[in-house]
């Protein structure tokens, strides 16, 4: 995952957006943003936080 390859000093301001038809054309997962955000959070919890692939993961305060 790209987030795991991003240094912890970098701040993501938006990982996902949402839209509803007819505005939304693709990808379909944007229609229910919370499902995607939950899946991303679970993956990061299981496989490592932001920066984990670089050897210095983000540590929350």
PDB file of N, CA and C in Angstrom:
ATOM      1  N   UNK A   1       0.847  -1.171   0.000  1.00  0.00           N
ATOM      2  CA  UNK A   1       0.000   0.000   0.000  1.00  0.00           C
ATOM      3  C   UNK A   1       0.902   1.248   0.000  1.00  0.00           C
ATOM      4  N   UNK A   2       0.515   2.230  -0.767  1.00  0.00           N
ATOM      5  CA  UNK A   2       1.316   3.448  -0.901  1.00  0.00           C
ATOM      6  C   UNK A   2       1.470   4.194   0.424  1.00  0.00           C
ATOM      7  N   UNK A   3       0.471   4.144   1.277  1.00  0.00           N
ATOM      8  CA  UNK A   3       0.541   4.840   2.559  1.00  0.00           C
ATOM      9  C   UNK A   3       1.715   4.309   3.384  1.00  0.00           C
ATOM     10  N   UNK A   4       1.962   3.026   3.312  1.00  0.00           N
ATOM     11  CA  UNK A   4       3.063   2.429   4.071  1.00  0.00           C
ATOM     12  C   UNK A   4       4.428   2.822   3.521  1.00  0.00           C
ATOM     13  N   UNK A   5       4.456   3.332   2.303  1.00  0.00           N
ATOM     14  CA  UNK A   5       5.712   3.778   1.681  1.00  0.00           C
ATOM     15  C   UNK A   5       5.882   5.293   1.741  1.00  0.00           C
ATOM     16  N   UNK A   6       5.001   5.955   2.464  1.00  0.00           N
ATOM     17  CA  UNK A   6       5.039   7.410   2.605  1.00  0.00           C
ATOM     18  C   UNK A   6       5.663   7.756   3.953  1.00  0.00           C
ATOM     19  N   UNK A   7       6.675   8.635   3.965  1.00  0.00           N
ATOM     20  CA  UNK A   7       7.304   9.017   5.234  1.00  0.00           C
ATOM     21  C   UNK A   7       6.277   9.582   6.214  1.00  0.00           C
ATOM     22  N   UNK A   8       6.464   9.322   7.507  1.00  0.00           N
ATOM     23  CA  UNK A   8       5.505   9.803   8.496  1.00  0.00           C
ATOM     24  C   UNK A   8       5.432  11.325   8.592  1.00  0.00           C
ATOM     25  N   UNK A   9       6.414  12.028   8.046  1.00  0.00           N
ATOM     26  CA  UNK A   9       6.387  13.498   8.067  1.00  0.00           C
ATOM     27  C   UNK A   9       5.368  14.060   7.079  1.00  0.00           C
ATOM     28  N   UNK A  10       4.961  13.252   6.102  1.00  0.00           N
ATOM     29  CA  UNK A  10       3.991  13.675   5.096  1.00  0.00           C
ATOM     30  C   UNK A  10       2.597  13.511   5.682  1.00  0.00           C
ATOM     31  N   UNK A  11       1.764  14.516   5.494  1.00  0.00           N
ATOM     32  CA  UNK A  11       0.404  14.486   6.026  1.00  0.00           C
ATOM     33  C   UNK A  11      -0.573  14.322   4.867  1.00  0.00           C
ATOM     34  N   UNK A  12      -1.387  13.288   4.966  1.00  0.00           N
ATOM     35  CA  UNK A  12      -2.449  13.097   3.984  1.00  0.00           C
ATOM     36  C   UNK A  12      -3.639  13.943   4.402  1.00  0.00           C
ATOM     37  N   UNK A  13      -4.092  14.798   3.504  1.00  0.00           N
ATOM     38  CA  UNK A  13      -5.266  15.615   3.794  1.00  0.00           C
ATOM     39  C   UNK A  13      -6.541  14.945   3.305  1.00  0.00           C
ATOM     40  N   UNK A  14      -6.407  14.071   2.311  1.00  0.00           N
ATOM     41  CA  UNK A  14      -7.571  13.353   1.802  1.00  0.00           C
ATOM     42  C   UNK A  14      -7.116  12.032   1.208  1.00  0.00           C
ATOM     43  N   UNK A  15      -7.681  10.971   1.723  1.00  0.00           N
ATOM     44  CA  UNK A  15      -7.396   9.638   1.201  1.00  0.00           C
ATOM     45  C   UNK A  15      -8.529   9.190   0.295  1.00  0.00           C
ATOM     46  N   UNK A  16      -9.713   9.688   0.554  1.00  0.00           N
ATOM     47  CA  UNK A  16     -10.887   9.293  -0.205  1.00  0.00           C
ATOM     48  C   UNK A  16     -11.857  10.465  -0.273  1.00  0.00           C
ATOM     49  N   UNK A  17     -12.713  10.415  -1.258  1.00  0.00           N
ATOM     50  CA  UNK A  17     -13.780  11.405  -1.395  1.00  0.00           C
ATOM     51  C   UNK A  17     -15.090  10.648  -1.573  1.00  0.00           C
ATOM     52  N   UNK A  18     -16.165  11.357  -1.570  1.00  0.00           N
ATOM     53  CA  UNK A  18     -17.435  10.682  -1.809  1.00  0.00           C
ATOM     54  C   UNK A  18     -18.280  11.491  -2.768  1.00  0.00           C
ATOM     55  N   UNK A  19     -19.142  10.790  -3.464  1.00  0.00           N
ATOM     56  CA  UNK A  19     -20.067  11.410  -4.403  1.00  0.00           C
ATOM     57  C   UNK A  19     -21.235  10.449  -4.601  1.00  0.00           C
ATOM     58  N   UNK A  20     -22.308  10.970  -5.051  1.00  0.00           N
ATOM     59  CA  UNK A  20     -23.502  10.157  -5.309  1.00  0.00           C
ATOM     60  C   UNK A  20     -23.866  10.243  -6.791  1.00  0.00           C
ATOM     61  N   UNK A  21     -24.486   9.192  -7.305  1.00  0.00           N
ATOM     62  CA  UNK A  21     -24.968   9.263  -8.684  1.00  0.00           C
ATOM     63  C   UNK A  21     -25.961  10.418  -8.806  1.00  0.00           C
ATOM     64  N   UNK A  22     -26.071  11.108  -9.873  1.00  0.00           N
ATOM     65  CA  UNK A  22     -25.401  10.892 -11.146  1.00  0.00           C
ATOM     66  C   UNK A  22     -24.032  11.559 -11.240  1.00  0.00           C
ATOM     67  N   UNK A  23     -23.584  12.245 -10.193  1.00  0.00           N
ATOM     68  CA  UNK A  23     -22.277  12.892 -10.223  1.00  0.00           C
ATOM     69  C   UNK A  23     -21.160  11.866 -10.291  1.00  0.00           C
ATOM     70  N   UNK A  24     -21.278  10.790  -9.541  1.00  0.00           N
ATOM     71  CA  UNK A  24     -20.250   9.761  -9.487  1.00  0.00           C
ATOM     72  C   UNK A  24     -20.294   8.900 -10.742  1.00  0.00           C
ATOM     73  N   UNK A  25     -19.181   8.855 -11.436  1.00  0.00           N
ATOM     74  CA  UNK A  25     -19.056   7.975 -12.598  1.00  0.00           C
ATOM     75  C   UNK A  25     -18.250   6.735 -12.235  1.00  0.00           C
ATOM     76  N   UNK A  26     -17.152   6.919 -11.520  1.00  0.00           N
ATOM     77  CA  UNK A  26     -16.287   5.805 -11.103  1.00  0.00           C
ATOM     78  C   UNK A  26     -15.254   6.371 -10.146  1.00  0.00           C
ATOM     79  N   UNK A  27     -14.678   5.622  -9.291  1.00  0.00           N
ATOM     80  CA  UNK A  27     -14.935   4.218  -8.987  1.00  0.00           C
ATOM     81  C   UNK A  27     -16.158   4.075  -8.089  1.00  0.00           C
ATOM     82  N   UNK A  28     -16.795   2.926  -8.198  1.00  0.00           N
ATOM     83  CA  UNK A  28     -18.049   2.684  -7.491  1.00  0.00           C
ATOM     84  C   UNK A  28     -17.881   2.707  -5.978  1.00  0.00           C
ATOM     85  N   UNK A  29     -16.675   2.362  -5.464  1.00  0.00           N
ATOM     86  CA  UNK A  29     -16.495   2.320  -4.009  1.00  0.00           C
ATOM     87  C   UNK A  29     -16.601   3.705  -3.378  1.00  0.00           C
ATOM     88  N   UNK A  30     -16.506   4.758  -4.152  1.00  0.00           N
ATOM     89  CA  UNK A  30     -16.648   6.113  -3.605  1.00  0.00           C
ATOM     90  C   UNK A  30     -18.073   6.406  -3.159  1.00  0.00           C
ATOM     91  N   UNK A  31     -19.029   5.626  -3.634  1.00  0.00           N
ATOM     92  CA  UNK A  31     -20.417   5.880  -3.239  1.00  0.00           C
ATOM     93  C   UNK A  31     -20.615   5.639  -1.745  1.00  0.00           C
ATOM     94  N   UNK A  32     -19.909   4.656  -1.199  1.00  0.00           N
ATOM     95  CA  UNK A  32     -19.978   4.408   0.244  1.00  0.00           C
ATOM     96  C   UNK A  32     -18.570   4.529   0.806  1.00  0.00           C
ATOM     97  N   UNK A  33     -18.174   5.745   1.040  1.00  0.00           N
ATOM     98  CA  UNK A  33     -16.810   6.069   1.476  1.00  0.00           C
ATOM     99  C   UNK A  33     -16.410   5.364   2.768  1.00  0.00           C
ATOM    100  N   UNK A  34     -17.325   5.194   3.698  1.00  0.00           N
ATOM    101  CA  UNK A  34     -16.974   4.627   5.003  1.00  0.00           C
ATOM    102  C   UNK A  34     -16.553   3.175   4.919  1.00  0.00           C
ATOM    103  N   UNK A  35     -17.103   2.420   3.970  1.00  0.00           N
ATOM    104  CA  UNK A  35     -16.647   1.042   3.787  1.00  0.00           C
ATOM    105  C   UNK A  35     -15.184   1.026   3.362  1.00  0.00           C
ATOM    106  N   UNK A  36     -14.827   1.907   2.448  1.00  0.00           N
ATOM    107  CA  UNK A  36     -13.436   1.989   1.984  1.00  0.00           C
ATOM    108  C   UNK A  36     -12.516   2.458   3.102  1.00  0.00           C
ATOM    109  N   UNK A  37     -12.924   3.457   3.847  1.00  0.00           N
ATOM    110  CA  UNK A  37     -12.088   3.976   4.933  1.00  0.00           C
ATOM    111  C   UNK A  37     -11.880   2.926   6.025  1.00  0.00           C
ATOM    112  N   UNK A  38     -12.919   2.156   6.330  1.00  0.00           N
ATOM    113  CA  UNK A  38     -12.800   1.088   7.316  1.00  0.00           C
ATOM    114  C   UNK A  38     -11.833   0.017   6.829  1.00  0.00           C
ATOM    115  N   UNK A  39     -11.932  -0.345   5.563  1.00  0.00           N
ATOM    116  CA  UNK A  39     -11.036  -1.352   4.997  1.00  0.00           C
ATOM    117  C   UNK A  39      -9.581  -0.866   5.005  1.00  0.00           C
ATOM    118  N   UNK A  40      -9.348   0.395   4.690  1.00  0.00           N
ATOM    119  CA  UNK A  40      -7.995   0.961   4.721  1.00  0.00           C
ATOM    120  C   UNK A  40      -7.450   0.939   6.141  1.00  0.00           C
ATOM    121  N   UNK A  41      -8.255   1.350   7.104  1.00  0.00           N
ATOM    122  CA  UNK A  41      -7.815   1.363   8.507  1.00  0.00           C
ATOM    123  C   UNK A  41      -7.485  -0.044   8.992  1.00  0.00           C
ATOM    124  N   UNK A  42      -8.309  -1.021   8.645  1.00  0.00           N
ATOM    125  CA  UNK A  42      -8.049  -2.405   9.051  1.00  0.00           C
ATOM    126  C   UNK A  42      -6.763  -2.936   8.423  1.00  0.00           C
ATOM    127  N   UNK A  43      -6.542  -2.632   7.155  1.00  0.00           N
ATOM    128  CA  UNK A  43      -5.333  -3.079   6.475  1.00  0.00           C
ATOM    129  C   UNK A  43      -4.093  -2.466   7.114  1.00  0.00           C
ATOM    130  N   UNK A  44      -4.137  -1.184   7.417  1.00  0.00           N
ATOM    131  CA  UNK A  44      -2.998  -0.525   8.049  1.00  0.00           C
ATOM    132  C   UNK A  44      -2.732  -1.088   9.442  1.00  0.00           C
ATOM    133  N   UNK A  45      -3.780  -1.424  10.166  1.00  0.00           N
ATOM    134  CA  UNK A  45      -3.621  -2.015  11.496  1.00  0.00           C
ATOM    135  C   UNK A  45      -2.950  -3.380  11.399  1.00  0.00           C
ATOM    136  N   UNK A  46      -3.316  -4.156  10.415  1.00  0.00           N
ATOM    137  CA  UNK A  46      -2.792  -5.508  10.264  1.00  0.00           C
ATOM    138  C   UNK A  46      -1.388  -5.546   9.662  1.00  0.00           C
ATOM    139  N   UNK A  47      -1.096  -4.654   8.726  1.00  0.00           N
ATOM    140  CA  UNK A  47       0.151  -4.764   7.965  1.00  0.00           C
ATOM    141  C   UNK A  47       1.174  -3.669   8.254  1.00  0.00           C
ATOM    142  N   UNK A  48       0.807  -2.666   9.029  1.00  0.00           N
ATOM    143  CA  UNK A  48       1.746  -1.607   9.369  1.00  0.00           C
ATOM    144  C   UNK A  48       1.234  -0.238   8.992  1.00  0.00           C
ATOM    145  N   UNK A  49       1.575   0.732   9.804  1.00  0.00           N
ATOM    146  CA  UNK A  49       1.097   2.102   9.632  1.00  0.00           C
ATOM    147  C   UNK A  49       1.868   2.843   8.536  1.00  0.00           C
ATOM    148  N   UNK A  50       1.522   4.104   8.365  1.00  0.00           N
ATOM    149  CA  UNK A  50       2.213   4.952   7.403  1.00  0.00           C
ATOM    150  C   UNK A  50       3.701   4.956   7.719  1.00  0.00           C
ATOM    151  N   UNK A  51       4.522   4.719   6.701  1.00  0.00           N
ATOM    152  CA  UNK A  51       5.966   4.702   6.861  1.00  0.00           C
ATOM    153  C   UNK A  51       6.532   3.350   7.259  1.00  0.00           C
ATOM    154  N   UNK A  52       5.691   2.361   7.514  1.00  0.00           N
ATOM    155  CA  UNK A  52       6.161   1.048   7.972  1.00  0.00           C
ATOM    156  C   UNK A  52       7.099   0.391   6.968  1.00  0.00           C
ATOM    157  N   UNK A  53       6.840   0.538   5.686  1.00  0.00           N
ATOM    158  CA  UNK A  53       7.689  -0.070   4.662  1.00  0.00           C
ATOM    159  C   UNK A  53       9.060   0.614   4.580  1.00  0.00           C
ATOM    160  N   UNK A  54       9.183   1.794   5.169  1.00  0.00           N
ATOM    161  CA  UNK A  54      10.450   2.531   5.158  1.00  0.00           C
ATOM    162  C   UNK A  54      11.270   2.274   6.414  1.00  0.00           C
ATOM    163  N   UNK A  55      10.682   1.541   7.362  1.00  0.00           N
ATOM    164  CA  UNK A  55      11.401   1.225   8.589  1.00  0.00           C
ATOM    165  C   UNK A  55      11.199   2.212   9.718  1.00  0.00           C
ATOM    166  N   UNK A  56      10.414   3.269   9.500  1.00  0.00           N
ATOM    167  CA  UNK A  56      10.125   4.197  10.589  1.00  0.00           C
ATOM    168  C   UNK A  56       8.655   4.612  10.513  1.00  0.00           C
ATOM    169  N   UNK A  57       7.776   3.745  11.071  1.00  0.00           N
ATOM    170  CA  UNK A  57       6.334   4.005  10.986  1.00  0.00           C
ATOM    171  C   UNK A  57       5.885   5.174  11.842  1.00  0.00           C
ATOM    172  N   UNK A  58       4.744   5.713  11.471  1.00  0.00           N
ATOM    173  CA  UNK A  58       4.118   6.785  12.215  1.00  0.00           C
ATOM    174  C   UNK A  58       3.728   6.259  13.601  1.00  0.00           C
ATOM    175  N   UNK A  59       4.001   7.049  14.615  1.00  0.00           N
ATOM    176  CA  UNK A  59       3.573   6.699  15.966  1.00  0.00           C
ATOM    177  C   UNK A  59       2.695   7.837  16.456  1.00  0.00           C
ATOM    178  N   UNK A  60       1.438   7.520  16.742  1.00  0.00           N
ATOM    179  CA  UNK A  60       0.484   8.537  17.198  1.00  0.00           C
ATOM    180  C   UNK A  60       0.844   9.056  18.569  1.00  0.00           C
ATOM    181  N   UNK A  61       0.379  10.257  18.860  1.00  0.00           N
ATOM    182  CA  UNK A  61       0.681  10.869  20.155  1.00  0.00           C
ATOM    183  C   UNK A  61      -0.438  10.716  21.103  1.00  0.00           C
TER     184      UNK A  61
END
